[in-house]
Amino acid sequence: MSEVVVAGGDPDGIAAALETRGATVRYAEGTASRSALEAAGIEDADTLVLTDAGLATAVPVAIDRNPDVRVVIYTRDSVPEFIKGQAGHIVDPDLLDADTVAEELLRGT
């Protein structure tokens, strides 16, 4: 089973789509600070899904706490340059819906 931490609001339903496919989803509350990421279980997570580019600083913090975490940015927002190299996938919800992304993320898990 896949462990996923979602940071940011979820206007496109990526968390529900992941849960429907068997993932355990937890939320990094507020600004997705170190303590919020830790409370959400980032150390044991397989994937961090960032749905708000304004929370981009959560990505290096998550990677610091879990170097093996896969980072997926699922937002319509422009992603800061400093994050692009740390993200495994950057997906615009207007191009791929949440169900398709969830299916791809959980393929083979």
PDB file of N, CA and C in Angstrom:
ATOM      1  N   MET A   1       0.847  -1.172   0.000  1.00  0.00           N
ATOM      2  CA  MET A   1       0.000   0.000   0.000  1.00  0.00           C
ATOM      3  C   MET A   1       0.897   1.241   0.000  1.00  0.00           C
ATOM      4  N   SER A   2       0.472   2.261  -0.679  1.00  0.00           N
ATOM      5  CA  SER A   2       1.243   3.484  -0.815  1.00  0.00           C
ATOM      6  C   SER A   2       0.828   4.510   0.238  1.00  0.00           C
ATOM      7  N   GLU A   3       1.820   5.166   0.811  1.00  0.00           N
ATOM      8  CA  GLU A   3       1.605   6.233   1.793  1.00  0.00           C
ATOM      9  C   GLU A   3       1.855   7.560   1.094  1.00  0.00           C
ATOM     10  N   VAL A   4       0.858   8.451   1.130  1.00  0.00           N
ATOM     11  CA  VAL A   4       0.942   9.722   0.425  1.00  0.00           C
ATOM     12  C   VAL A   4       0.655  10.859   1.391  1.00  0.00           C
ATOM     13  N   VAL A   5       1.484  11.894   1.332  1.00  0.00           N
ATOM     14  CA  VAL A   5       1.229  13.130   2.071  1.00  0.00           C
ATOM     15  C   VAL A   5       0.828  14.185   1.043  1.00  0.00           C
ATOM     16  N   VAL A   6      -0.291  14.855   1.304  1.00  0.00           N
ATOM     17  CA  VAL A   6      -0.764  15.930   0.446  1.00  0.00           C
ATOM     18  C   VAL A   6      -0.540  17.250   1.174  1.00  0.00           C
ATOM     19  N   ALA A   7       0.095  18.189   0.492  1.00  0.00           N
ATOM     20  CA  ALA A   7       0.330  19.534   1.039  1.00  0.00           C
ATOM     21  C   ALA A   7      -0.393  20.535   0.157  1.00  0.00           C
ATOM     22  N   GLY A   8      -1.256  21.332   0.771  1.00  0.00           N
ATOM     23  CA  GLY A   8      -2.045  22.310   0.036  1.00  0.00           C
ATOM     24  C   GLY A   8      -3.496  21.866  -0.038  1.00  0.00           C
ATOM     25  N   GLY A   9      -4.332  22.779  -0.454  1.00  0.00           N
ATOM     26  CA  GLY A   9      -5.740  22.436  -0.644  1.00  0.00           C
ATOM     27  C   GLY A   9      -5.863  21.395  -1.740  1.00  0.00           C
ATOM     28  N   ASP A  10      -7.018  20.834  -1.885  1.00  0.00           N
ATOM     29  CA  ASP A  10      -7.178  19.779  -2.878  1.00  0.00           C
ATOM     30  C   ASP A  10      -8.401  20.043  -3.751  1.00  0.00           C
ATOM     31  N   PRO A  11      -8.383  21.148  -4.508  1.00  0.00           N
ATOM     32  CA  PRO A  11      -9.560  21.506  -5.292  1.00  0.00           C
ATOM     33  C   PRO A  11      -9.888  20.527  -6.423  1.00  0.00           C
ATOM     34  N   ASP A  12      -8.921  19.717  -6.815  1.00  0.00           N
ATOM     35  CA  ASP A  12      -9.148  18.811  -7.943  1.00  0.00           C
ATOM     36  C   ASP A  12      -9.345  17.356  -7.524  1.00  0.00           C
ATOM     37  N   GLY A  13      -9.343  17.091  -6.216  1.00  0.00           N
ATOM     38  CA  GLY A  13      -9.668  15.762  -5.714  1.00  0.00           C
ATOM     39  C   GLY A  13      -8.607  14.696  -5.885  1.00  0.00           C
ATOM     40  N   ILE A  14      -7.338  15.084  -5.897  1.00  0.00           N
ATOM     41  CA  ILE A  14      -6.274  14.086  -6.053  1.00  0.00           C
ATOM     42  C   ILE A  14      -6.222  13.135  -4.856  1.00  0.00           C
ATOM     43  N   ALA A  15      -6.469  13.640  -3.644  1.00  0.00           N
ATOM     44  CA  ALA A  15      -6.427  12.780  -2.458  1.00  0.00           C
ATOM     45  C   ALA A  15      -7.505  11.704  -2.531  1.00  0.00           C
ATOM     46  N   ALA A  16      -8.713  12.080  -2.880  1.00  0.00           N
ATOM     47  CA  ALA A  16      -9.804  11.108  -2.988  1.00  0.00           C
ATOM     48  C   ALA A  16      -9.500  10.071  -4.071  1.00  0.00           C
ATOM     49  N   ALA A  17      -8.940  10.515  -5.177  1.00  0.00           N
ATOM     50  CA  ALA A  17      -8.597   9.589  -6.259  1.00  0.00           C
ATOM     51  C   ALA A  17      -7.528   8.592  -5.807  1.00  0.00           C
ATOM     52  N   LEU A  18      -6.560   9.061  -5.035  1.00  0.00           N
ATOM     53  CA  LEU A  18      -5.519   8.169  -4.510  1.00  0.00           C
ATOM     54  C   LEU A  18      -6.105   7.189  -3.498  1.00  0.00           C
ATOM     55  N   GLU A  19      -6.966   7.684  -2.614  1.00  0.00           N
ATOM     56  CA  GLU A  19      -7.595   6.820  -1.608  1.00  0.00           C
ATOM     57  C   GLU A  19      -8.463   5.748  -2.269  1.00  0.00           C
ATOM     58  N   THR A  20      -9.176   6.126  -3.317  1.00  0.00           N
ATOM     59  CA  THR A  20     -10.030   5.173  -4.043  1.00  0.00           C
ATOM     60  C   THR A  20      -9.206   4.014  -4.581  1.00  0.00           C
ATOM     61  N   ARG A  21      -7.961   4.285  -4.911  1.00  0.00           N
ATOM     62  CA  ARG A  21      -7.078   3.254  -5.464  1.00  0.00           C
ATOM     63  C   ARG A  21      -6.235   2.573  -4.391  1.00  0.00           C
ATOM     64  N   GLY A  22      -6.544   2.816  -3.110  1.00  0.00           N
ATOM     65  CA  GLY A  22      -5.897   2.079  -2.030  1.00  0.00           C
ATOM     66  C   GLY A  22      -4.775   2.779  -1.295  1.00  0.00           C
ATOM     67  N   ALA A  23      -4.446   3.994  -1.662  1.00  0.00           N
ATOM     68  CA  ALA A  23      -3.381   4.713  -0.960  1.00  0.00           C
ATOM     69  C   ALA A  23      -3.883   5.222   0.384  1.00  0.00           C
ATOM     70  N   THR A  24      -2.984   5.290   1.327  1.00  0.00           N
ATOM     71  CA  THR A  24      -3.261   5.951   2.598  1.00  0.00           C
ATOM     72  C   THR A  24      -2.811   7.391   2.435  1.00  0.00           C
ATOM     73  N   VAL A  25      -3.733   8.327   2.619  1.00  0.00           N
ATOM     74  CA  VAL A  25      -3.438   9.741   2.397  1.00  0.00           C
ATOM     75  C   VAL A  25      -3.510  10.481   3.728  1.00  0.00           C
ATOM     76  N   ARG A  26      -2.474  11.275   3.975  1.00  0.00           N
ATOM     77  CA  ARG A  26      -2.440  12.156   5.141  1.00  0.00           C
ATOM     78  C   ARG A  26      -2.154  13.565   4.642  1.00  0.00           C
ATOM     79  N   TYR A  27      -2.522  14.534   5.454  1.00  0.00           N
ATOM     80  CA  TYR A  27      -2.412  15.933   5.034  1.00  0.00           C
ATOM     81  C   TYR A  27      -1.412  16.688   5.895  1.00  0.00           C
ATOM     82  N   ALA A  28      -0.531  17.444   5.236  1.00  0.00           N
ATOM     83  CA  ALA A  28       0.353  18.375   5.925  1.00  0.00           C
ATOM     84  C   ALA A  28      -0.446  19.668   6.060  1.00  0.00           C
ATOM     85  N   GLU A  29      -0.838  19.985   7.257  1.00  0.00           N
ATOM     86  CA  GLU A  29      -1.721  21.122   7.514  1.00  0.00           C
ATOM     87  C   GLU A  29      -1.013  22.464   7.328  1.00  0.00           C
ATOM     88  N   GLY A  30      -1.794  23.489   7.136  1.00  0.00           N
ATOM     89  CA  GLY A  30      -1.292  24.867   7.080  1.00  0.00           C
ATOM     90  C   GLY A  30      -0.288  25.089   5.974  1.00  0.00           C
ATOM     91  N   THR A  31       0.866  25.602   6.359  1.00  0.00           N
ATOM     92  CA  THR A  31       1.895  25.937   5.386  1.00  0.00           C
ATOM     93  C   THR A  31       2.826  24.771   5.066  1.00  0.00           C
ATOM     94  N   ALA A  32       2.473  23.582   5.528  1.00  0.00           N
ATOM     95  CA  ALA A  32       3.291  22.390   5.297  1.00  0.00           C
ATOM     96  C   ALA A  32       4.709  22.590   5.810  1.00  0.00           C
ATOM     97  N   SER A  33       4.810  23.113   7.015  1.00  0.00           N
ATOM     98  CA  SER A  33       6.099  23.309   7.681  1.00  0.00           C
ATOM     99  C   SER A  33       6.699  21.952   8.043  1.00  0.00           C
ATOM    100  N   ARG A  34       7.919  21.974   8.533  1.00  0.00           N
ATOM    101  CA  ARG A  34       8.583  20.731   8.948  1.00  0.00           C
ATOM    102  C   ARG A  34       7.718  19.965   9.934  1.00  0.00           C
ATOM    103  N   SER A  35       7.204  20.660  10.947  1.00  0.00           N
ATOM    104  CA  SER A  35       6.401  19.958  11.952  1.00  0.00           C
ATOM    105  C   SER A  35       5.105  19.414  11.353  1.00  0.00           C
ATOM    106  N   ALA A  36       4.487  20.150  10.428  1.00  0.00           N
ATOM    107  CA  ALA A  36       3.264  19.667   9.781  1.00  0.00           C
ATOM    108  C   ALA A  36       3.556  18.453   8.901  1.00  0.00           C
ATOM    109  N   LEU A  37       4.669  18.493   8.183  1.00  0.00           N
ATOM    110  CA  LEU A  37       5.058  17.349   7.353  1.00  0.00           C
ATOM    111  C   LEU A  37       5.357  16.128   8.220  1.00  0.00           C
ATOM    112  N   GLU A  38       6.054  16.339   9.326  1.00  0.00           N
ATOM    113  CA  GLU A  38       6.356  15.236  10.228  1.00  0.00           C
ATOM    114  C   GLU A  38       5.081  14.666  10.843  1.00  0.00           C
ATOM    115  N   ALA A  39       4.160  15.537  11.244  1.00  0.00           N
ATOM    116  CA  ALA A  39       2.887  15.086  11.810  1.00  0.00           C
ATOM    117  C   ALA A  39       2.086  14.272  10.796  1.00  0.00           C
ATOM    118  N   ALA A  40       2.240  14.579   9.531  1.00  0.00           N
ATOM    119  CA  ALA A  40       1.543  13.858   8.465  1.00  0.00           C
ATOM    120  C   ALA A  40       2.240  12.554   8.087  1.00  0.00           C
ATOM    121  N   GLY A  41       3.443  12.328   8.628  1.00  0.00           N
ATOM    122  CA  GLY A  41       4.152  11.082   8.361  1.00  0.00           C
ATOM    123  C   GLY A  41       5.066  11.100   7.158  1.00  0.00           C
ATOM    124  N   ILE A  42       5.659  12.247   6.860  1.00  0.00           N
ATOM    125  CA  ILE A  42       6.521  12.343   5.680  1.00  0.00           C
ATOM    126  C   ILE A  42       7.691  11.357   5.717  1.00  0.00           C
ATOM    127  N   GLU A  43       8.168  11.007   6.912  1.00  0.00           N
ATOM    128  CA  GLU A  43       9.308  10.091   7.015  1.00  0.00           C
ATOM    129  C   GLU A  43       9.011   8.724   6.408  1.00  0.00           C
ATOM    130  N   ASP A  44       7.737   8.309   6.459  1.00  0.00           N
ATOM    131  CA  ASP A  44       7.353   7.000   5.951  1.00  0.00           C
ATOM    132  C   ASP A  44       6.609   7.062   4.622  1.00  0.00           C
ATOM    133  N   ALA A  45       6.414   8.257   4.099  1.00  0.00           N
ATOM    134  CA  ALA A  45       5.627   8.426   2.878  1.00  0.00           C
ATOM    135  C   ALA A  45       6.405   7.966   1.644  1.00  0.00           C
ATOM    136  N   ASP A  46       5.664   7.447   0.696  1.00  0.00           N
ATOM    137  CA  ASP A  46       6.234   7.102  -0.602  1.00  0.00           C
ATOM    138  C   ASP A  46       6.214   8.318  -1.520  1.00  0.00           C
ATOM    139  N   THR A  47       5.165   9.164  -1.334  1.00  0.00           N
ATOM    140  CA  THR A  47       4.935  10.277  -2.244  1.00  0.00           C
ATOM    141  C   THR A  47       4.468  11.510  -1.493  1.00  0.00           C
ATOM    142  N   LEU A  48       4.971  12.664  -1.909  1.00  0.00           N
ATOM    143  CA  LEU A  48       4.455  13.958  -1.480  1.00  0.00           C
ATOM    144  C   LEU A  48       3.756  14.559  -2.688  1.00  0.00           C
ATOM    145  N   VAL A  49       2.482  14.923  -2.516  1.00  0.00           N
ATOM    146  CA  VAL A  49       1.753  15.609  -3.572  1.00  0.00           C
ATOM    147  C   VAL A  49       1.533  17.044  -3.117  1.00  0.00           C
ATOM    148  N   LEU A  50       2.110  17.973  -3.837  1.00  0.00           N
ATOM    149  CA  LEU A  50       1.982  19.397  -3.540  1.00  0.00           C
ATOM    150  C   LEU A  50       0.951  19.981  -4.494  1.00  0.00           C
ATOM    151  N   THR A  51      -0.114  20.563  -3.926  1.00  0.00           N
ATOM    152  CA  THR A  51      -1.191  21.084  -4.771  1.00  0.00           C
ATOM    153  C   THR A  51      -1.237  22.606  -4.790  1.00  0.00           C
ATOM    154  N   ASP A  52      -0.274  23.233  -4.171  1.00  0.00           N
ATOM    155  CA  ASP A  52      -0.215  24.700  -4.103  1.00  0.00           C
ATOM    156  C   ASP A  52       1.235  25.121  -4.258  1.00  0.00           C
ATOM    157  N   ALA A  53       1.569  25.747  -5.381  1.00  0.00           N
ATOM    158  CA  ALA A  53       2.958  26.153  -5.645  1.00  0.00           C
ATOM    159  C   ALA A  53       3.463  27.145  -4.606  1.00  0.00           C
ATOM    160  N   GLY A  54       2.569  27.812  -3.918  1.00  0.00           N
ATOM    161  CA  GLY A  54       2.968  28.723  -2.852  1.00  0.00           C
ATOM    162  C   GLY A  54       3.588  28.014  -1.661  1.00  0.00           C
ATOM    163  N   LEU A  55       3.438  26.710  -1.597  1.00  0.00           N
ATOM    164  CA  LEU A  55       4.026  25.911  -0.522  1.00  0.00           C
ATOM    165  C   LEU A  55       5.289  25.187  -0.982  1.00  0.00           C
ATOM    166  N   ALA A  56       5.892  25.684  -2.026  1.00  0.00           N
ATOM    167  CA  ALA A  56       7.044  25.011  -2.640  1.00  0.00           C
ATOM    168  C   ALA A  56       8.198  24.757  -1.684  1.00  0.00           C
ATOM    169  N   THR A  57       8.349  25.594  -0.671  1.00  0.00           N
ATOM    170  CA  THR A  57       9.459  25.371   0.268  1.00  0.00           C
ATOM    171  C   THR A  57       9.271  24.091   1.075  1.00  0.00           C
ATOM    172  N   ALA A  58       8.087  23.501   1.045  1.00  0.00           N
ATOM    173  CA  ALA A  58       7.861  22.227   1.718  1.00  0.00           C
ATOM    174  C   ALA A  58       8.625  21.088   1.033  1.00  0.00           C
ATOM    175  N   VAL A  59       8.915  21.237  -0.248  1.00  0.00           N
ATOM    176  CA  VAL A  59       9.572  20.161  -0.994  1.00  0.00           C
ATOM    177  C   VAL A  59      10.969  19.858  -0.455  1.00  0.00           C
ATOM    178  N   PRO A  60      11.876  20.825  -0.339  1.00  0.00           N
ATOM    179  CA  PRO A  60      13.192  20.476   0.191  1.00  0.00           C
ATOM    180  C   PRO A  60      13.134  19.995   1.638  1.00  0.00           C
ATOM    181  N   VAL A  61      12.186  20.499   2.397  1.00  0.00           N
ATOM    182  CA  VAL A  61      12.028  20.028   3.779  1.00  0.00           C
ATOM    183  C   VAL A  61      11.617  18.563   3.774  1.00  0.00           C
ATOM    184  N   ALA A  62      10.662  18.208   2.929  1.00  0.00           N
ATOM    185  CA  ALA A  62      10.217  16.814   2.835  1.00  0.00           C
ATOM    186  C   ALA A  62      11.356  15.902   2.395  1.00  0.00           C
ATOM    187  N   ILE A  63      12.122  16.341   1.424  1.00  0.00           N
ATOM    188  CA  ILE A  63      13.244  15.533   0.934  1.00  0.00           C
ATOM    189  C   ILE A  63      14.314  15.395   2.009  1.00  0.00           C
ATOM    190  N   ASP A  64      14.517  16.428   2.803  1.00  0.00           N
ATOM    191  CA  ASP A  64      15.458  16.347   3.919  1.00  0.00           C
ATOM    192  C   ASP A  64      15.013  15.288   4.925  1.00  0.00           C
ATOM    193  N   ARG A  65      13.729  15.213   5.195  1.00  0.00           N
ATOM    194  CA  ARG A  65      13.186  14.255   6.167  1.00  0.00           C
ATOM    195  C   ARG A  65      13.072  12.856   5.572  1.00  0.00           C
ATOM    196  N   ASN A  66      12.932  12.770   4.241  1.00  0.00           N
ATOM    197  CA  ASN A  66      12.781  11.477   3.578  1.00  0.00           C
ATOM    198  C   ASN A  66      13.377  11.573   2.172  1.00  0.00           C
ATOM    199  N   PRO A  67      14.671  11.274   2.047  1.00  0.00           N
ATOM    200  CA  PRO A  67      15.340  11.425   0.753  1.00  0.00           C
ATOM    201  C   PRO A  67      14.756  10.567  -0.373  1.00  0.00           C
ATOM    202  N   ASP A  68      13.983   9.546  -0.025  1.00  0.00           N
ATOM    203  CA  ASP A  68      13.420   8.656  -1.032  1.00  0.00           C
ATOM    204  C   ASP A  68      12.006   9.042  -1.467  1.00  0.00           C
ATOM    205  N   VAL A  69      11.456  10.093  -0.879  1.00  0.00           N
ATOM    206  CA  VAL A  69      10.080  10.468  -1.212  1.00  0.00           C
ATOM    207  C   VAL A  69       9.994  10.951  -2.658  1.00  0.00           C
ATOM    208  N   ARG A  70       8.968  10.497  -3.344  1.00  0.00           N
ATOM    209  CA  ARG A  70       8.709  10.959  -4.716  1.00  0.00           C
ATOM    210  C   ARG A  70       7.872  12.228  -4.602  1.00  0.00           C
ATOM    211  N   VAL A  71       8.255  13.257  -5.325  1.00  0.00           N
ATOM    212  CA  VAL A  71       7.553  14.538  -5.268  1.00  0.00           C
ATOM    213  C   VAL A  71       6.741  14.730  -6.543  1.00  0.00           C
ATOM    214  N   VAL A  72       5.446  14.969  -6.336  1.00  0.00           N
ATOM    215  CA  VAL A  72       4.530  15.226  -7.439  1.00  0.00           C
ATOM    216  C   VAL A  72       3.884  16.581  -7.176  1.00  0.00           C
ATOM    217  N   ILE A  73       3.979  17.460  -8.141  1.00  0.00           N
ATOM    218  CA  ILE A  73       3.336  18.771  -8.024  1.00  0.00           C
ATOM    219  C   ILE A  73       2.133  18.753  -8.948  1.00  0.00           C
ATOM    220  N   TYR A  74       0.951  18.907  -8.355  1.00  0.00           N
ATOM    221  CA  TYR A  74      -0.308  18.820  -9.089  1.00  0.00           C
ATOM    222  C   TYR A  74      -1.049  20.137  -8.907  1.00  0.00           C
ATOM    223  N   THR A  75      -0.754  21.080  -9.790  1.00  0.00           N
ATOM    224  CA  THR A  75      -1.310  22.423  -9.663  1.00  0.00           C
ATOM    225  C   THR A  75      -1.333  23.127 -11.008  1.00  0.00           C
ATOM    226  N   ARG A  76      -2.217  24.091 -11.110  1.00  0.00           N
ATOM    227  CA  ARG A  76      -2.267  24.958 -12.296  1.00  0.00           C
ATOM    228  C   ARG A  76      -1.267  26.099 -12.178  1.00  0.00           C
ATOM    229  N   ASP A  77      -0.755  26.312 -10.980  1.00  0.00           N
ATOM    230  CA  ASP A  77       0.151  27.421 -10.700  1.00  0.00           C
ATOM    231  C   ASP A  77       1.520  27.210 -11.344  1.00  0.00           C
ATOM    232  N   SER A  78       2.199  28.304 -11.595  1.00  0.00           N
ATOM    233  CA  SER A  78       3.577  28.251 -12.059  1.00  0.00           C
ATOM    234  C   SER A  78       4.461  27.771 -10.904  1.00  0.00           C
ATOM    235  N   VAL A  79       5.351  26.863 -11.195  1.00  0.00           N
ATOM    236  CA  VAL A  79       6.208  26.270 -10.168  1.00  0.00           C
ATOM    237  C   VAL A  79       7.543  27.009 -10.138  1.00  0.00           C
ATOM    238  N   PRO A  80       8.005  27.399  -8.945  1.00  0.00           N
ATOM    239  CA  PRO A  80       9.294  28.092  -8.845  1.00  0.00           C
ATOM    240  C   PRO A  80      10.440  27.245  -9.407  1.00  0.00           C
ATOM    241  N   GLU A  81      11.379  27.904 -10.037  1.00  0.00           N
ATOM    242  CA  GLU A  81      12.515  27.212 -10.657  1.00  0.00           C
ATOM    243  C   GLU A  81      13.272  26.316  -9.676  1.00  0.00           C
ATOM    244  N   PHE A  82      13.437  26.768  -8.431  1.00  0.00           N
ATOM    245  CA  PHE A  82      14.247  26.002  -7.483  1.00  0.00           C
ATOM    246  C   PHE A  82      13.616  24.656  -7.132  1.00  0.00           C
ATOM    247  N   ILE A  83      12.356  24.461  -7.456  1.00  0.00           N
ATOM    248  CA  ILE A  83      11.668  23.219  -7.147  1.00  0.00           C
ATOM    249  C   ILE A  83      11.640  22.258  -8.334  1.00  0.00           C
ATOM    250  N   LYS A  84      11.706  22.773  -9.519  1.00  0.00           N
ATOM    251  CA  LYS A  84      11.541  21.940 -10.711  1.00  0.00           C
ATOM    252  C   LYS A  84      12.495  20.750 -10.749  1.00  0.00           C
ATOM    253  N   GLY A  85      13.706  20.920 -10.314  1.00  0.00           N
ATOM    254  CA  GLY A  85      14.676  19.828 -10.316  1.00  0.00           C
ATOM    255  C   GLY A  85      14.437  18.802  -9.231  1.00  0.00           C
ATOM    256  N   GLN A  86      13.633  19.142  -8.244  1.00  0.00           N
ATOM    257  CA  GLN A  86      13.360  18.218  -7.137  1.00  0.00           C
ATOM    258  C   GLN A  86      12.057  17.454  -7.324  1.00  0.00           C
ATOM    259  N   ALA A  87      11.269  17.854  -8.279  1.00  0.00           N
ATOM    260  CA  ALA A  87       9.977  17.205  -8.508  1.00  0.00           C
ATOM    261  C   ALA A  87      10.123  16.076  -9.518  1.00  0.00           C
ATOM    262  N   GLY A  88       9.548  14.949  -9.202  1.00  0.00           N
ATOM    263  CA  GLY A  88       9.540  13.840 -10.138  1.00  0.00           C
ATOM    264  C   GLY A  88       8.549  14.086 -11.265  1.00  0.00           C
ATOM    265  N   HIS A  89       7.420  14.723 -10.902  1.00  0.00           N
ATOM    266  CA  HIS A  89       6.375  15.010 -11.880  1.00  0.00           C
ATOM    267  C   HIS A  89       5.753  16.366 -11.558  1.00  0.00           C
ATOM    268  N   ILE A  90       5.512  17.140 -12.578  1.00  0.00           N
ATOM    269  CA  ILE A  90       4.764  18.388 -12.452  1.00  0.00           C
ATOM    270  C   ILE A  90       3.601  18.267 -13.422  1.00  0.00           C
ATOM    271  N   VAL A  91       2.376  18.275 -12.868  1.00  0.00           N
ATOM    272  CA  VAL A  91       1.194  17.998 -13.681  1.00  0.00           C
ATOM    273  C   VAL A  91       0.161  19.100 -13.491  1.00  0.00           C
ATOM    274  N   ASP A  92      -0.361  19.583 -14.591  1.00  0.00           N
ATOM    275  CA  ASP A  92      -1.432  20.564 -14.572  1.00  0.00           C
ATOM    276  C   ASP A  92      -2.766  19.816 -14.583  1.00  0.00           C
ATOM    277  N   PRO A  93      -3.643  20.053 -13.596  1.00  0.00           N
ATOM    278  CA  PRO A  93      -4.933  19.371 -13.559  1.00  0.00           C
ATOM    279  C   PRO A  93      -5.804  19.618 -14.799  1.00  0.00           C
ATOM    280  N   ASP A  94      -5.537  20.689 -15.531  1.00  0.00           N
ATOM    281  CA  ASP A  94      -6.281  20.921 -16.765  1.00  0.00           C
ATOM    282  C   ASP A  94      -5.855  19.957 -17.875  1.00  0.00           C
ATOM    283  N   LEU A  95      -4.675  19.362 -17.720  1.00  0.00           N
ATOM    284  CA  LEU A  95      -4.171  18.438 -18.735  1.00  0.00           C
ATOM    285  C   LEU A  95      -4.447  16.978 -18.394  1.00  0.00           C
ATOM    286  N   LEU A  96      -4.336  16.635 -17.101  1.00  0.00           N
ATOM    287  CA  LEU A  96      -4.608  15.264 -16.651  1.00  0.00           C
ATOM    288  C   LEU A  96      -5.470  15.328 -15.405  1.00  0.00           C
ATOM    289  N   ASP A  97      -6.598  14.629 -15.426  1.00  0.00           N
ATOM    290  CA  ASP A  97      -7.481  14.664 -14.262  1.00  0.00           C
ATOM    291  C   ASP A  97      -6.908  13.837 -13.108  1.00  0.00           C
ATOM    292  N   ALA A  98      -7.473  14.019 -11.938  1.00  0.00           N
ATOM    293  CA  ALA A  98      -6.973  13.386 -10.720  1.00  0.00           C
ATOM    294  C   ALA A  98      -6.994  11.862 -10.815  1.00  0.00           C
ATOM    295  N   ASP A  99      -8.030  11.296 -11.408  1.00  0.00           N
ATOM    296  CA  ASP A  99      -8.107   9.839 -11.528  1.00  0.00           C
ATOM    297  C   ASP A  99      -6.967   9.273 -12.365  1.00  0.00           C
ATOM    298  N   THR A 100      -6.645   9.942 -13.451  1.00  0.00           N
ATOM    299  CA  THR A 100      -5.556   9.483 -14.318  1.00  0.00           C
ATOM    300  C   THR A 100      -4.215   9.582 -13.597  1.00  0.00           C
ATOM    301  N   VAL A 101      -3.995  10.696 -12.919  1.00  0.00           N
ATOM    302  CA  VAL A 101      -2.736  10.880 -12.182  1.00  0.00           C
ATOM    303  C   VAL A 101      -2.620   9.840 -11.076  1.00  0.00           C
ATOM    304  N   ALA A 102      -3.684   9.630 -10.318  1.00  0.00           N
ATOM    305  CA  ALA A 102      -3.653   8.639  -9.234  1.00  0.00           C
ATOM    306  C   ALA A 102      -3.359   7.243  -9.776  1.00  0.00           C
ATOM    307  N   GLU A 103      -3.992   6.901 -10.871  1.00  0.00           N
ATOM    308  CA  GLU A 103      -3.756   5.589 -11.472  1.00  0.00           C
ATOM    309  C   GLU A 103      -2.286   5.413 -11.850  1.00  0.00           C
ATOM    310  N   GLU A 104      -1.705   6.432 -12.456  1.00  0.00           N
ATOM    311  CA  GLU A 104      -0.294   6.364 -12.853  1.00  0.00           C
ATOM    312  C   GLU A 104       0.636   6.323 -11.643  1.00  0.00           C
ATOM    313  N   LEU A 105       0.338   7.114 -10.633  1.00  0.00           N
ATOM    314  CA  LEU A 105       1.192   7.159  -9.446  1.00  0.00           C
ATOM    315  C   LEU A 105       1.209   5.828  -8.698  1.00  0.00           C
ATOM    316  N   LEU A 106       0.093   5.149  -8.705  1.00  0.00           N
ATOM    317  CA  LEU A 106      -0.019   3.929  -7.931  1.00  0.00           C
ATOM    318  C   LEU A 106       0.174   2.660  -8.753  1.00  0.00           C
ATOM    319  N   ARG A 107       0.463   2.832 -10.010  1.00  0.00           N
ATOM    320  CA  ARG A 107       0.703   1.663 -10.880  1.00  0.00           C
ATOM    321  C   ARG A 107       1.880   0.868 -10.330  1.00  0.00           C
ATOM    322  N   GLY A 108       1.651  -0.408 -10.107  1.00  0.00           N
ATOM    323  CA  GLY A 108       2.735  -1.284  -9.653  1.00  0.00           C
ATOM    324  C   GLY A 108       2.972  -1.258  -8.161  1.00  0.00           C
ATOM    325  N   THR A 109       2.131  -0.539  -7.393  1.00  0.00           N
ATOM    326  CA  THR A 109       2.338  -0.561  -5.935  1.00  0.00           C
ATOM    327  C   THR A 109       1.404  -1.531  -5.270  1.00  0.00           C
TER     328      THR A 109
END
